[in-house]
N, C-alpha and C. Protein backbone atom coordinates (compact mmCIF):
# COMPACT_ATOMS: atom_id res chain seq x y z
N MET A 1 -37.96 9.38 240.49
CA MET A 1 -38.44 10.40 241.42
C MET A 1 -39.52 9.80 242.31
N ARG A 2 -39.47 10.15 243.58
CA ARG A 2 -40.38 9.55 244.55
C ARG A 2 -41.58 10.45 244.80
N LEU A 3 -42.77 9.89 244.62
CA LEU A 3 -44.02 10.62 244.79
C LEU A 3 -44.81 10.03 245.95
N LEU A 4 -45.65 10.87 246.56
CA LEU A 4 -46.60 10.40 247.56
C LEU A 4 -47.99 10.47 246.96
N LEU A 5 -48.68 9.33 246.92
CA LEU A 5 -50.06 9.26 246.48
C LEU A 5 -50.95 9.14 247.72
N VAL A 6 -51.92 10.04 247.83
CA VAL A 6 -52.85 10.02 248.96
C VAL A 6 -54.26 9.85 248.40
N GLU A 7 -54.78 8.63 248.49
CA GLU A 7 -56.07 8.29 247.88
C GLU A 7 -56.70 7.16 248.69
N ASP A 8 -57.96 7.36 249.14
CA ASP A 8 -58.59 6.36 250.00
C ASP A 8 -59.36 5.29 249.23
N ASP A 9 -59.63 5.51 247.94
CA ASP A 9 -60.35 4.50 247.15
C ASP A 9 -59.35 3.41 246.75
N PRO A 10 -59.54 2.16 247.22
CA PRO A 10 -58.54 1.11 246.97
C PRO A 10 -58.39 0.75 245.50
N ILE A 11 -59.49 0.75 244.74
CA ILE A 11 -59.41 0.38 243.33
C ILE A 11 -58.71 1.48 242.54
N LEU A 12 -59.13 2.72 242.75
CA LEU A 12 -58.51 3.85 242.05
C LEU A 12 -57.05 4.00 242.45
N GLY A 13 -56.79 3.90 243.76
CA GLY A 13 -55.41 4.05 244.23
C GLY A 13 -54.49 3.00 243.66
N ASN A 14 -54.97 1.76 243.59
CA ASN A 14 -54.16 0.68 243.04
C ASN A 14 -53.84 0.94 241.57
N GLY A 15 -54.84 1.41 240.82
CA GLY A 15 -54.62 1.71 239.41
C GLY A 15 -53.65 2.85 239.19
N ILE A 16 -53.78 3.91 240.00
CA ILE A 16 -52.87 5.05 239.88
C ILE A 16 -51.45 4.64 240.26
N GLU A 17 -51.32 3.91 241.36
CA GLU A 17 -49.99 3.48 241.79
C GLU A 17 -49.31 2.66 240.69
N ALA A 18 -50.03 1.70 240.12
CA ALA A 18 -49.45 0.85 239.08
C ALA A 18 -49.06 1.68 237.86
N GLY A 19 -49.93 2.62 237.47
CA GLY A 19 -49.66 3.44 236.30
C GLY A 19 -48.46 4.35 236.49
N LEU A 20 -48.34 4.94 237.67
CA LEU A 20 -47.21 5.83 237.94
C LEU A 20 -45.90 5.05 238.01
N ARG A 21 -45.96 3.84 238.58
CA ARG A 21 -44.75 3.01 238.61
C ARG A 21 -44.33 2.64 237.19
N GLN A 22 -45.31 2.32 236.35
CA GLN A 22 -45.01 1.97 234.96
C GLN A 22 -44.40 3.16 234.23
N ALA A 23 -44.78 4.38 234.63
CA ALA A 23 -44.24 5.59 234.01
C ALA A 23 -42.85 5.94 234.54
N GLY A 24 -42.35 5.15 235.49
CA GLY A 24 -40.99 5.34 235.97
C GLY A 24 -40.85 6.02 237.32
N PHE A 25 -41.97 6.27 238.00
CA PHE A 25 -41.90 6.93 239.30
C PHE A 25 -41.86 5.91 240.43
N THR A 26 -41.23 6.29 241.53
CA THR A 26 -41.32 5.54 242.78
C THR A 26 -42.51 6.10 243.55
N VAL A 27 -43.40 5.23 244.02
CA VAL A 27 -44.66 5.69 244.61
C VAL A 27 -44.86 5.09 245.99
N ASP A 28 -45.15 5.95 246.98
CA ASP A 28 -45.66 5.52 248.27
C ASP A 28 -47.13 5.89 248.31
N TRP A 29 -47.99 4.97 248.73
CA TRP A 29 -49.43 5.19 248.71
C TRP A 29 -49.98 5.14 250.13
N THR A 30 -50.62 6.23 250.55
CA THR A 30 -51.32 6.26 251.83
C THR A 30 -52.81 6.44 251.56
N ARG A 31 -53.64 5.94 252.50
CA ARG A 31 -55.08 5.91 252.26
C ARG A 31 -55.86 6.85 253.19
N ASP A 32 -55.18 7.64 254.00
CA ASP A 32 -55.87 8.61 254.85
C ASP A 32 -54.93 9.78 255.13
N GLY A 33 -55.53 10.88 255.59
CA GLY A 33 -54.75 12.09 255.78
C GLY A 33 -53.72 12.01 256.89
N ARG A 34 -54.02 11.28 257.94
CA ARG A 34 -53.06 11.17 259.06
C ARG A 34 -51.81 10.40 258.62
N SER A 35 -51.99 9.32 257.89
CA SER A 35 -50.84 8.57 257.38
C SER A 35 -50.02 9.43 256.43
N ALA A 36 -50.69 10.26 255.65
CA ALA A 36 -49.98 11.16 254.74
C ALA A 36 -49.17 12.18 255.52
N GLN A 37 -49.73 12.69 256.62
CA GLN A 37 -48.97 13.63 257.47
C GLN A 37 -47.67 12.99 257.94
N LEU A 38 -47.75 11.77 258.43
CA LEU A 38 -46.56 11.07 258.92
C LEU A 38 -45.55 10.84 257.81
N ALA A 39 -46.05 10.47 256.61
CA ALA A 39 -45.15 10.24 255.48
C ALA A 39 -44.41 11.52 255.11
N LEU A 40 -45.11 12.63 255.10
CA LEU A 40 -44.50 13.91 254.72
C LEU A 40 -43.50 14.39 255.77
N GLU A 41 -43.72 13.99 257.02
CA GLU A 41 -42.80 14.39 258.08
C GLU A 41 -41.50 13.58 258.08
N THR A 42 -41.53 12.40 257.47
CA THR A 42 -40.38 11.50 257.59
C THR A 42 -39.67 11.18 256.27
N THR A 43 -40.26 11.57 255.14
CA THR A 43 -39.72 11.17 253.84
C THR A 43 -39.67 12.37 252.90
N ARG A 44 -38.63 12.42 252.07
CA ARG A 44 -38.49 13.47 251.08
C ARG A 44 -39.18 13.04 249.78
N TYR A 45 -40.13 13.85 249.33
CA TYR A 45 -40.85 13.57 248.09
C TYR A 45 -40.63 14.70 247.09
N GLU A 46 -40.81 14.35 245.81
CA GLU A 46 -40.72 15.34 244.74
C GLU A 46 -42.08 15.97 244.45
N LEU A 47 -43.16 15.24 244.78
CA LEU A 47 -44.51 15.73 244.45
C LEU A 47 -45.53 14.90 245.21
N VAL A 48 -46.70 15.50 245.48
CA VAL A 48 -47.81 14.80 246.13
C VAL A 48 -49.01 14.79 245.19
N VAL A 49 -49.60 13.61 245.00
CA VAL A 49 -50.88 13.48 244.31
C VAL A 49 -51.92 13.28 245.41
N LEU A 50 -52.84 14.25 245.55
CA LEU A 50 -53.67 14.34 246.76
C LEU A 50 -55.16 14.34 246.45
N ASP A 51 -55.85 13.35 246.98
CA ASP A 51 -57.31 13.36 246.96
C ASP A 51 -57.79 14.26 248.10
N LEU A 52 -58.93 14.93 247.89
CA LEU A 52 -59.43 15.83 248.93
C LEU A 52 -60.35 15.12 249.92
N GLY A 53 -61.11 14.13 249.46
CA GLY A 53 -62.07 13.47 250.34
C GLY A 53 -61.45 12.31 251.10
N LEU A 54 -60.66 12.64 252.13
CA LEU A 54 -59.92 11.62 252.87
C LEU A 54 -60.47 11.43 254.28
N PRO A 55 -60.36 10.23 254.84
CA PRO A 55 -60.69 10.03 256.25
C PRO A 55 -59.59 10.58 257.16
N ARG A 56 -59.94 10.77 258.42
CA ARG A 56 -59.05 11.20 259.51
C ARG A 56 -58.63 12.66 259.36
N VAL A 57 -57.89 13.01 258.34
CA VAL A 57 -57.54 14.41 258.05
C VAL A 57 -57.87 14.65 256.59
N SER A 58 -58.64 15.70 256.29
CA SER A 58 -59.05 15.94 254.91
C SER A 58 -57.87 16.37 254.06
N GLY A 59 -58.01 16.18 252.76
CA GLY A 59 -56.96 16.60 251.85
C GLY A 59 -56.75 18.10 251.88
N MET A 60 -57.83 18.86 252.01
CA MET A 60 -57.71 20.32 252.07
C MET A 60 -56.94 20.76 253.31
N GLU A 61 -57.21 20.12 254.44
CA GLU A 61 -56.51 20.46 255.67
C GLU A 61 -55.03 20.08 255.55
N LEU A 62 -54.76 18.93 254.95
CA LEU A 62 -53.38 18.50 254.75
C LEU A 62 -52.63 19.50 253.88
N LEU A 63 -53.28 19.98 252.84
CA LEU A 63 -52.67 20.97 251.95
C LEU A 63 -52.39 22.27 252.69
N ARG A 64 -53.34 22.72 253.47
CA ARG A 64 -53.13 23.97 254.23
C ARG A 64 -51.98 23.82 255.22
N GLN A 65 -51.89 22.68 255.89
CA GLN A 65 -50.80 22.45 256.84
C GLN A 65 -49.44 22.48 256.13
N LEU A 66 -49.40 21.87 254.97
CA LEU A 66 -48.15 21.82 254.20
C LEU A 66 -47.69 23.22 253.84
N ARG A 67 -48.60 24.04 253.35
CA ARG A 67 -48.23 25.41 252.96
C ARG A 67 -47.95 26.29 254.18
N ALA A 68 -48.64 26.03 255.29
CA ALA A 68 -48.39 26.81 256.51
C ALA A 68 -46.97 26.59 257.02
N ARG A 69 -46.39 25.41 256.74
CA ARG A 69 -45.01 25.13 257.14
C ARG A 69 -44.00 25.76 256.19
N GLY A 70 -44.49 26.39 255.14
CA GLY A 70 -43.59 27.01 254.18
C GLY A 70 -43.09 26.08 253.10
N SER A 71 -43.68 24.88 252.99
CA SER A 71 -43.24 23.91 251.99
C SER A 71 -43.73 24.32 250.61
N ASP A 72 -42.82 24.25 249.62
CA ASP A 72 -43.21 24.50 248.23
C ASP A 72 -43.29 23.21 247.43
N LEU A 73 -43.45 22.09 248.11
CA LEU A 73 -43.58 20.79 247.46
C LEU A 73 -44.76 20.83 246.50
N PRO A 74 -44.57 20.47 245.21
CA PRO A 74 -45.69 20.49 244.27
C PRO A 74 -46.81 19.53 244.69
N VAL A 75 -48.04 20.01 244.59
CA VAL A 75 -49.21 19.20 244.96
C VAL A 75 -50.20 19.22 243.81
N LEU A 76 -50.56 18.04 243.32
CA LEU A 76 -51.59 17.89 242.30
C LEU A 76 -52.81 17.28 242.97
N VAL A 77 -53.91 18.01 242.95
CA VAL A 77 -55.13 17.59 243.63
C VAL A 77 -55.99 16.75 242.68
N LEU A 78 -56.47 15.61 243.18
CA LEU A 78 -57.45 14.78 242.49
C LEU A 78 -58.76 14.87 243.26
N THR A 79 -59.85 15.13 242.58
CA THR A 79 -61.11 15.24 243.30
C THR A 79 -62.29 15.05 242.38
N ALA A 80 -63.40 14.59 242.95
CA ALA A 80 -64.66 14.50 242.22
C ALA A 80 -65.44 15.81 242.32
N ARG A 81 -64.94 16.75 243.12
CA ARG A 81 -65.62 18.03 243.28
C ARG A 81 -65.29 18.91 242.08
N ASP A 82 -66.29 19.11 241.21
CA ASP A 82 -65.98 19.73 239.92
C ASP A 82 -66.55 21.13 239.73
N THR A 83 -67.01 21.77 240.80
CA THR A 83 -67.50 23.13 240.64
C THR A 83 -66.33 24.11 240.59
N VAL A 84 -66.56 25.25 239.98
CA VAL A 84 -65.52 26.27 239.91
C VAL A 84 -65.11 26.70 241.31
N ARG A 85 -66.08 26.81 242.21
CA ARG A 85 -65.77 27.23 243.58
C ARG A 85 -64.81 26.25 244.25
N ASP A 86 -65.06 24.95 244.06
CA ASP A 86 -64.19 23.94 244.65
C ASP A 86 -62.78 24.03 244.08
N ARG A 87 -62.68 24.21 242.77
CA ARG A 87 -61.35 24.31 242.15
C ARG A 87 -60.61 25.54 242.64
N VAL A 88 -61.31 26.65 242.72
CA VAL A 88 -60.68 27.89 243.20
C VAL A 88 -60.21 27.72 244.64
N SER A 89 -61.04 27.08 245.47
CA SER A 89 -60.66 26.87 246.88
C SER A 89 -59.39 26.04 246.98
N GLY A 90 -59.30 24.98 246.18
CA GLY A 90 -58.11 24.14 246.20
C GLY A 90 -56.87 24.88 245.76
N LEU A 91 -56.98 25.65 244.69
CA LEU A 91 -55.83 26.40 244.20
C LEU A 91 -55.41 27.49 245.18
N GLU A 92 -56.39 28.14 245.80
CA GLU A 92 -56.05 29.18 246.77
C GLU A 92 -55.45 28.60 248.04
N ALA A 93 -55.76 27.35 248.35
CA ALA A 93 -55.18 26.70 249.52
C ALA A 93 -53.74 26.25 249.27
N GLY A 94 -53.31 26.29 248.00
CA GLY A 94 -51.92 25.98 247.71
C GLY A 94 -51.68 24.87 246.72
N ALA A 95 -52.74 24.34 246.10
CA ALA A 95 -52.55 23.31 245.08
C ALA A 95 -51.87 23.91 243.86
N ASP A 96 -51.03 23.13 243.20
CA ASP A 96 -50.36 23.58 242.00
C ASP A 96 -51.11 23.21 240.74
N ASP A 97 -51.93 22.18 240.82
CA ASP A 97 -52.75 21.77 239.68
C ASP A 97 -53.93 20.99 240.23
N TYR A 98 -54.93 20.78 239.37
CA TYR A 98 -56.21 20.24 239.80
C TYR A 98 -56.72 19.32 238.70
N LEU A 99 -57.04 18.08 239.02
CA LEU A 99 -57.53 17.14 238.02
C LEU A 99 -58.83 16.52 238.53
N ILE A 100 -59.86 16.60 237.70
CA ILE A 100 -61.19 16.14 238.09
C ILE A 100 -61.36 14.66 237.75
N LYS A 101 -61.88 13.90 238.72
CA LYS A 101 -62.22 12.50 238.47
C LYS A 101 -63.53 12.42 237.68
N PRO A 102 -63.67 11.46 236.77
CA PRO A 102 -62.65 10.50 236.32
C PRO A 102 -61.66 11.18 235.36
N PHE A 103 -60.48 10.61 235.25
CA PHE A 103 -59.46 11.21 234.40
C PHE A 103 -58.69 10.10 233.70
N ASP A 104 -57.97 10.46 232.67
CA ASP A 104 -57.13 9.52 231.95
C ASP A 104 -55.75 9.49 232.59
N LEU A 105 -55.21 8.30 232.79
CA LEU A 105 -53.92 8.18 233.47
C LEU A 105 -52.82 8.91 232.71
N SER A 106 -52.89 8.90 231.38
CA SER A 106 -51.85 9.59 230.61
C SER A 106 -51.85 11.09 230.88
N GLU A 107 -53.03 11.67 231.13
CA GLU A 107 -53.09 13.09 231.46
C GLU A 107 -52.49 13.34 232.84
N LEU A 108 -52.76 12.44 233.79
CA LEU A 108 -52.17 12.57 235.12
C LEU A 108 -50.65 12.56 235.03
N VAL A 109 -50.11 11.60 234.28
CA VAL A 109 -48.65 11.51 234.13
C VAL A 109 -48.10 12.77 233.48
N ALA A 110 -48.78 13.27 232.45
CA ALA A 110 -48.32 14.48 231.77
C ALA A 110 -48.33 15.69 232.70
N ARG A 111 -49.37 15.80 233.52
CA ARG A 111 -49.45 16.93 234.45
C ARG A 111 -48.36 16.82 235.53
N ILE A 112 -48.09 15.60 236.01
CA ILE A 112 -47.03 15.40 236.99
C ILE A 112 -45.68 15.82 236.39
N ARG A 113 -45.42 15.38 235.18
CA ARG A 113 -44.15 15.74 234.54
C ARG A 113 -44.04 17.25 234.36
N ALA A 114 -45.14 17.90 234.02
CA ALA A 114 -45.12 19.35 233.84
C ALA A 114 -44.80 20.06 235.16
N LEU A 115 -45.41 19.60 236.26
CA LEU A 115 -45.14 20.21 237.57
C LEU A 115 -43.69 19.99 237.99
N LEU A 116 -43.16 18.80 237.72
CA LEU A 116 -41.77 18.52 238.08
C LEU A 116 -40.81 19.36 237.24
N ARG A 117 -41.12 19.54 235.95
CA ARG A 117 -40.29 20.42 235.12
C ARG A 117 -40.27 21.83 235.70
N ARG A 118 -41.45 22.32 236.05
CA ARG A 118 -41.54 23.67 236.60
C ARG A 118 -40.76 23.79 237.90
N ALA A 119 -40.86 22.76 238.74
CA ALA A 119 -40.16 22.80 240.02
C ALA A 119 -38.65 22.86 239.85
N HIS A 120 -38.16 22.27 238.75
CA HIS A 120 -36.71 22.25 238.51
C HIS A 120 -36.28 23.26 237.45
N GLY A 121 -37.18 24.17 237.09
CA GLY A 121 -36.82 25.26 236.19
C GLY A 121 -36.61 24.84 234.75
N ARG A 122 -37.29 23.78 234.32
CA ARG A 122 -37.17 23.34 232.94
C ARG A 122 -38.48 23.55 232.20
N SER A 123 -38.39 23.82 230.90
CA SER A 123 -39.59 24.00 230.09
C SER A 123 -39.96 22.75 229.31
N VAL A 124 -39.00 21.82 229.17
CA VAL A 124 -39.25 20.56 228.46
C VAL A 124 -38.71 19.41 229.29
N ASP A 125 -39.14 18.18 228.96
CA ASP A 125 -38.69 17.01 229.71
C ASP A 125 -37.21 16.73 229.52
N ALA A 126 -36.68 17.01 228.33
CA ALA A 126 -35.28 16.70 228.04
C ALA A 126 -34.35 17.52 228.94
N ILE A 127 -33.35 16.85 229.50
CA ILE A 127 -32.35 17.51 230.34
C ILE A 127 -31.03 17.50 229.58
N ARG A 128 -30.47 18.67 229.32
CA ARG A 128 -29.22 18.79 228.56
C ARG A 128 -28.05 19.02 229.52
N TYR A 129 -26.99 18.26 229.26
CA TYR A 129 -25.78 18.41 230.05
C TYR A 129 -24.60 18.15 229.13
N ARG A 130 -23.85 19.22 228.84
CA ARG A 130 -22.72 19.12 227.93
C ARG A 130 -23.17 18.49 226.61
N ASP A 131 -22.60 17.35 226.23
CA ASP A 131 -22.98 16.75 224.95
C ASP A 131 -24.06 15.68 225.10
N LEU A 132 -24.68 15.62 226.28
CA LEU A 132 -25.71 14.62 226.54
C LEU A 132 -27.10 15.25 226.57
N VAL A 133 -28.09 14.51 226.08
CA VAL A 133 -29.49 14.89 226.23
C VAL A 133 -30.22 13.71 226.85
N LEU A 134 -30.69 13.90 228.08
CA LEU A 134 -31.40 12.85 228.81
C LEU A 134 -32.90 13.06 228.64
N ARG A 135 -33.60 12.00 228.22
CA ARG A 135 -35.05 12.06 228.06
C ARG A 135 -35.67 11.04 229.03
N PRO A 136 -36.06 11.50 230.22
CA PRO A 136 -36.57 10.56 231.23
C PRO A 136 -37.80 9.78 230.80
N GLU A 137 -38.67 10.39 229.98
CA GLU A 137 -39.90 9.70 229.60
C GLU A 137 -39.63 8.48 228.74
N SER A 138 -38.50 8.47 228.01
CA SER A 138 -38.17 7.31 227.17
C SER A 138 -36.98 6.52 227.69
N LEU A 139 -36.43 6.91 228.85
CA LEU A 139 -35.29 6.23 229.48
C LEU A 139 -34.10 6.13 228.52
N THR A 140 -33.80 7.24 227.85
CA THR A 140 -32.68 7.26 226.91
C THR A 140 -31.81 8.49 227.11
N VAL A 141 -30.55 8.33 226.75
CA VAL A 141 -29.61 9.45 226.65
C VAL A 141 -29.11 9.50 225.21
N THR A 142 -29.10 10.70 224.63
CA THR A 142 -28.59 10.87 223.28
C THR A 142 -27.27 11.62 223.35
N ARG A 143 -26.30 11.09 222.65
CA ARG A 143 -25.01 11.78 222.50
C ARG A 143 -24.68 11.76 221.01
N GLY A 144 -24.82 12.92 220.36
CA GLY A 144 -24.65 12.97 218.92
C GLY A 144 -25.71 12.12 218.25
N ASP A 145 -25.27 11.16 217.43
CA ASP A 145 -26.21 10.27 216.74
C ASP A 145 -26.47 8.98 217.53
N GLU A 146 -25.84 8.85 218.68
CA GLU A 146 -25.96 7.61 219.46
C GLU A 146 -27.07 7.75 220.51
N THR A 147 -27.92 6.73 220.60
CA THR A 147 -28.95 6.68 221.63
C THR A 147 -28.62 5.54 222.58
N ILE A 148 -28.57 5.87 223.88
CA ILE A 148 -28.15 4.92 224.90
C ILE A 148 -29.35 4.65 225.82
N ALA A 149 -29.71 3.38 225.95
CA ALA A 149 -30.85 3.00 226.80
C ALA A 149 -30.41 2.89 228.25
N LEU A 150 -31.26 3.37 229.15
CA LEU A 150 -31.02 3.27 230.59
C LEU A 150 -32.13 2.45 231.24
N SER A 151 -31.81 1.85 232.37
CA SER A 151 -32.87 1.24 233.18
C SER A 151 -33.60 2.37 233.92
N GLY A 152 -34.76 2.04 234.48
CA GLY A 152 -35.52 3.05 235.20
C GLY A 152 -34.74 3.66 236.35
N ARG A 153 -34.03 2.85 237.10
CA ARG A 153 -33.31 3.37 238.26
C ARG A 153 -32.02 4.07 237.86
N GLU A 154 -31.37 3.61 236.79
CA GLU A 154 -30.23 4.36 236.28
C GLU A 154 -30.66 5.76 235.87
N CYS A 155 -31.80 5.84 235.18
CA CYS A 155 -32.32 7.13 234.75
C CYS A 155 -32.66 8.00 235.95
N ALA A 156 -33.30 7.43 236.96
CA ALA A 156 -33.68 8.20 238.15
C ALA A 156 -32.47 8.76 238.87
N ILE A 157 -31.39 7.97 238.98
CA ILE A 157 -30.16 8.47 239.61
C ILE A 157 -29.58 9.61 238.81
N LEU A 158 -29.54 9.44 237.48
CA LEU A 158 -28.96 10.49 236.64
C LEU A 158 -29.77 11.78 236.72
N VAL A 159 -31.09 11.66 236.71
CA VAL A 159 -31.93 12.85 236.87
C VAL A 159 -31.63 13.55 238.19
N GLU A 160 -31.54 12.78 239.27
CA GLU A 160 -31.29 13.35 240.60
C GLU A 160 -29.94 14.08 240.62
N LEU A 161 -28.92 13.48 240.05
CA LEU A 161 -27.59 14.09 240.05
C LEU A 161 -27.55 15.33 239.16
N LEU A 162 -28.22 15.28 238.01
CA LEU A 162 -28.24 16.43 237.11
C LEU A 162 -29.07 17.58 237.67
N ASP A 163 -30.10 17.25 238.43
CA ASP A 163 -30.91 18.30 239.06
C ASP A 163 -30.18 18.96 240.22
N HIS A 164 -29.10 18.33 240.70
CA HIS A 164 -28.32 18.89 241.82
C HIS A 164 -26.84 18.98 241.44
N GLN A 165 -26.58 19.49 240.23
CA GLN A 165 -25.21 19.61 239.74
C GLN A 165 -24.34 20.38 240.74
N GLY A 166 -23.14 19.86 240.95
CA GLY A 166 -22.22 20.53 241.86
C GLY A 166 -22.40 20.18 243.32
N THR A 167 -23.42 19.37 243.62
CA THR A 167 -23.69 18.96 245.00
C THR A 167 -23.53 17.45 245.13
N ALA A 168 -22.75 17.01 246.09
CA ALA A 168 -22.56 15.57 246.31
C ALA A 168 -23.78 15.01 247.04
N LEU A 169 -24.36 13.98 246.48
CA LEU A 169 -25.52 13.32 247.07
C LEU A 169 -25.09 11.99 247.67
N SER A 170 -25.49 11.75 248.90
CA SER A 170 -25.09 10.52 249.59
C SER A 170 -25.84 9.33 249.03
N ARG A 171 -25.31 8.14 249.32
CA ARG A 171 -26.00 6.92 248.93
C ARG A 171 -27.39 6.87 249.54
N ALA A 172 -27.51 7.27 250.81
CA ALA A 172 -28.82 7.25 251.47
C ALA A 172 -29.81 8.17 250.77
N ARG A 173 -29.33 9.34 250.35
CA ARG A 173 -30.21 10.28 249.65
C ARG A 173 -30.68 9.68 248.32
N LEU A 174 -29.78 9.06 247.59
CA LEU A 174 -30.17 8.45 246.32
C LEU A 174 -31.12 7.27 246.54
N GLU A 175 -30.87 6.47 247.57
CA GLU A 175 -31.77 5.36 247.88
C GLU A 175 -33.16 5.88 248.20
N GLU A 176 -33.24 6.97 248.94
CA GLU A 176 -34.54 7.52 249.32
C GLU A 176 -35.33 7.97 248.11
N SER A 177 -34.65 8.48 247.08
CA SER A 177 -35.36 8.95 245.89
C SER A 177 -35.77 7.82 244.97
N LEU A 178 -35.11 6.65 245.09
CA LEU A 178 -35.33 5.54 244.17
C LEU A 178 -36.24 4.46 244.70
N TYR A 179 -36.29 4.28 246.01
CA TYR A 179 -36.96 3.11 246.56
C TYR A 179 -38.11 3.52 247.48
N GLY A 180 -39.25 2.88 247.29
CA GLY A 180 -40.40 3.12 248.14
C GLY A 180 -40.42 2.23 249.36
N TRP A 181 -41.50 2.32 250.14
CA TRP A 181 -41.60 1.58 251.39
C TRP A 181 -41.49 0.07 251.20
N HIS A 182 -42.01 -0.45 250.12
CA HIS A 182 -42.10 -1.90 249.95
C HIS A 182 -41.01 -2.46 249.03
N ASP A 183 -40.07 -1.62 248.62
CA ASP A 183 -38.99 -2.08 247.75
C ASP A 183 -37.85 -2.64 248.59
N GLU A 184 -37.29 -3.74 248.14
CA GLU A 184 -36.11 -4.29 248.79
C GLU A 184 -34.86 -3.63 248.21
N ILE A 185 -33.93 -3.23 249.07
CA ILE A 185 -32.72 -2.54 248.63
C ILE A 185 -31.51 -3.39 248.99
N GLU A 186 -30.79 -3.81 247.99
CA GLU A 186 -29.54 -4.53 248.25
C GLU A 186 -28.47 -3.54 248.69
N SER A 187 -27.55 -3.99 249.50
CA SER A 187 -26.59 -3.09 250.13
C SER A 187 -25.73 -2.33 249.12
N ASN A 188 -25.47 -2.92 247.95
CA ASN A 188 -24.61 -2.26 246.97
C ASN A 188 -25.39 -1.78 245.74
N ALA A 189 -26.71 -1.61 245.88
CA ALA A 189 -27.54 -1.29 244.72
C ALA A 189 -27.12 0.01 244.05
N ILE A 190 -26.90 1.06 244.83
CA ILE A 190 -26.53 2.35 244.25
C ILE A 190 -25.18 2.25 243.53
N GLU A 191 -24.23 1.57 244.15
CA GLU A 191 -22.92 1.41 243.53
C GLU A 191 -23.03 0.70 242.18
N VAL A 192 -23.90 -0.31 242.11
CA VAL A 192 -24.08 -1.05 240.86
C VAL A 192 -24.66 -0.13 239.78
N HIS A 193 -25.67 0.65 240.14
CA HIS A 193 -26.27 1.57 239.17
C HIS A 193 -25.26 2.63 238.71
N ILE A 194 -24.46 3.15 239.61
CA ILE A 194 -23.44 4.14 239.25
C ILE A 194 -22.42 3.52 238.31
N HIS A 195 -22.00 2.30 238.62
CA HIS A 195 -21.06 1.58 237.75
C HIS A 195 -21.62 1.43 236.34
N ASN A 196 -22.89 1.06 236.24
CA ASN A 196 -23.51 0.88 234.93
C ASN A 196 -23.61 2.20 234.18
N LEU A 197 -23.92 3.29 234.88
CA LEU A 197 -23.99 4.60 234.23
C LEU A 197 -22.61 5.00 233.70
N ARG A 198 -21.58 4.77 234.48
CA ARG A 198 -20.22 5.10 234.02
C ARG A 198 -19.83 4.26 232.81
N ARG A 199 -20.23 3.00 232.83
CA ARG A 199 -19.92 2.12 231.70
C ARG A 199 -20.61 2.60 230.42
N LYS A 200 -21.83 3.07 230.55
CA LYS A 200 -22.60 3.49 229.38
C LYS A 200 -22.25 4.91 228.92
N LEU A 201 -21.93 5.79 229.88
CA LEU A 201 -21.80 7.21 229.56
C LEU A 201 -20.40 7.78 229.76
N GLY A 202 -19.50 6.95 230.28
CA GLY A 202 -18.14 7.42 230.49
C GLY A 202 -17.85 7.62 231.97
N SER A 203 -16.61 7.29 232.36
CA SER A 203 -16.25 7.32 233.78
C SER A 203 -16.11 8.74 234.32
N GLU A 204 -16.01 9.74 233.43
CA GLU A 204 -15.78 11.10 233.90
C GLU A 204 -17.07 11.83 234.30
N LEU A 205 -18.23 11.26 233.96
CA LEU A 205 -19.49 11.97 234.19
C LEU A 205 -19.82 12.09 235.68
N ILE A 206 -19.73 10.99 236.41
CA ILE A 206 -20.12 10.96 237.83
C ILE A 206 -18.87 10.78 238.68
N ARG A 207 -18.63 11.71 239.57
CA ARG A 207 -17.46 11.64 240.44
C ARG A 207 -17.85 11.06 241.80
N THR A 208 -16.95 10.32 242.39
CA THR A 208 -17.13 9.84 243.76
C THR A 208 -16.41 10.79 244.70
N ILE A 209 -17.15 11.35 245.66
CA ILE A 209 -16.57 12.20 246.69
C ILE A 209 -16.44 11.33 247.93
N ARG A 210 -15.22 10.94 248.23
CA ARG A 210 -14.98 9.95 249.28
C ARG A 210 -15.58 10.40 250.61
N GLY A 211 -16.33 9.50 251.22
CA GLY A 211 -16.94 9.79 252.51
C GLY A 211 -18.20 10.63 252.44
N VAL A 212 -18.57 11.08 251.21
CA VAL A 212 -19.75 11.94 251.07
C VAL A 212 -20.78 11.30 250.14
N GLY A 213 -20.39 11.04 248.88
CA GLY A 213 -21.35 10.48 247.95
C GLY A 213 -20.91 10.67 246.52
N TYR A 214 -21.87 10.99 245.65
CA TYR A 214 -21.63 11.08 244.21
C TYR A 214 -22.04 12.46 243.71
N LEU A 215 -21.32 12.92 242.68
CA LEU A 215 -21.51 14.28 242.21
C LEU A 215 -21.33 14.35 240.70
N VAL A 216 -22.21 15.10 240.04
CA VAL A 216 -22.00 15.51 238.65
C VAL A 216 -21.54 16.96 238.69
N PRO A 217 -20.37 17.29 238.13
CA PRO A 217 -19.87 18.67 238.19
C PRO A 217 -20.86 19.63 237.53
N ARG A 218 -20.92 20.83 238.05
CA ARG A 218 -21.83 21.84 237.48
C ARG A 218 -21.39 22.16 236.05
N ASP A 219 -22.36 22.18 235.16
CA ASP A 219 -22.07 22.49 233.77
C ASP A 219 -21.79 23.97 233.63
N SER A 220 -20.72 24.31 232.94
CA SER A 220 -20.39 25.74 232.76
C SER A 220 -21.36 26.35 231.76
N PRO A 221 -21.77 27.62 231.98
CA PRO A 221 -22.73 28.25 231.09
C PRO A 221 -22.17 28.44 229.69
């Protein structure tokens, strides 16, 4: 899943970016509010991690603009402003969660996962589909007594397809969710990941819709 990190402190931002990547997320990092505006206008994200004390355009103004456009993109605010009034102001402006600096990276990751679960209508991290149970936090799929290991990008593709069951997703859409600004993308990368998923989980799971993309059929209730 692709996240936007907006943080002007280079040391803190570098640590957060590295930690989120290690947790399996694709991360784009901007260091000011104007750059974040441009990123949000041109790229599809699953969530924004937003510092409030930003140069050029403040984090609070960026949040208000986002909500004024009708966007329901989850936003987790990071800030050193720890008064109740500051927290209330951020939440009323449209933040979905609020984390006070300094914080533990594991708590940030847990809060991000919780917001993403809520956004996709899930109460737990595990995603169930027919006889499969996908656990993104451990990069595994369980089928009966068998546990199947996935790579980070195989897992990300499967999550994206399962979150959009019944909808064909194009290669470009999958690339956008998997690769950040500084990642190199080989021309057949998505095809290779799909091939590996079919090899591990069976050829019937992911269908190719010719000229459109890839689809996981909607699971019957």
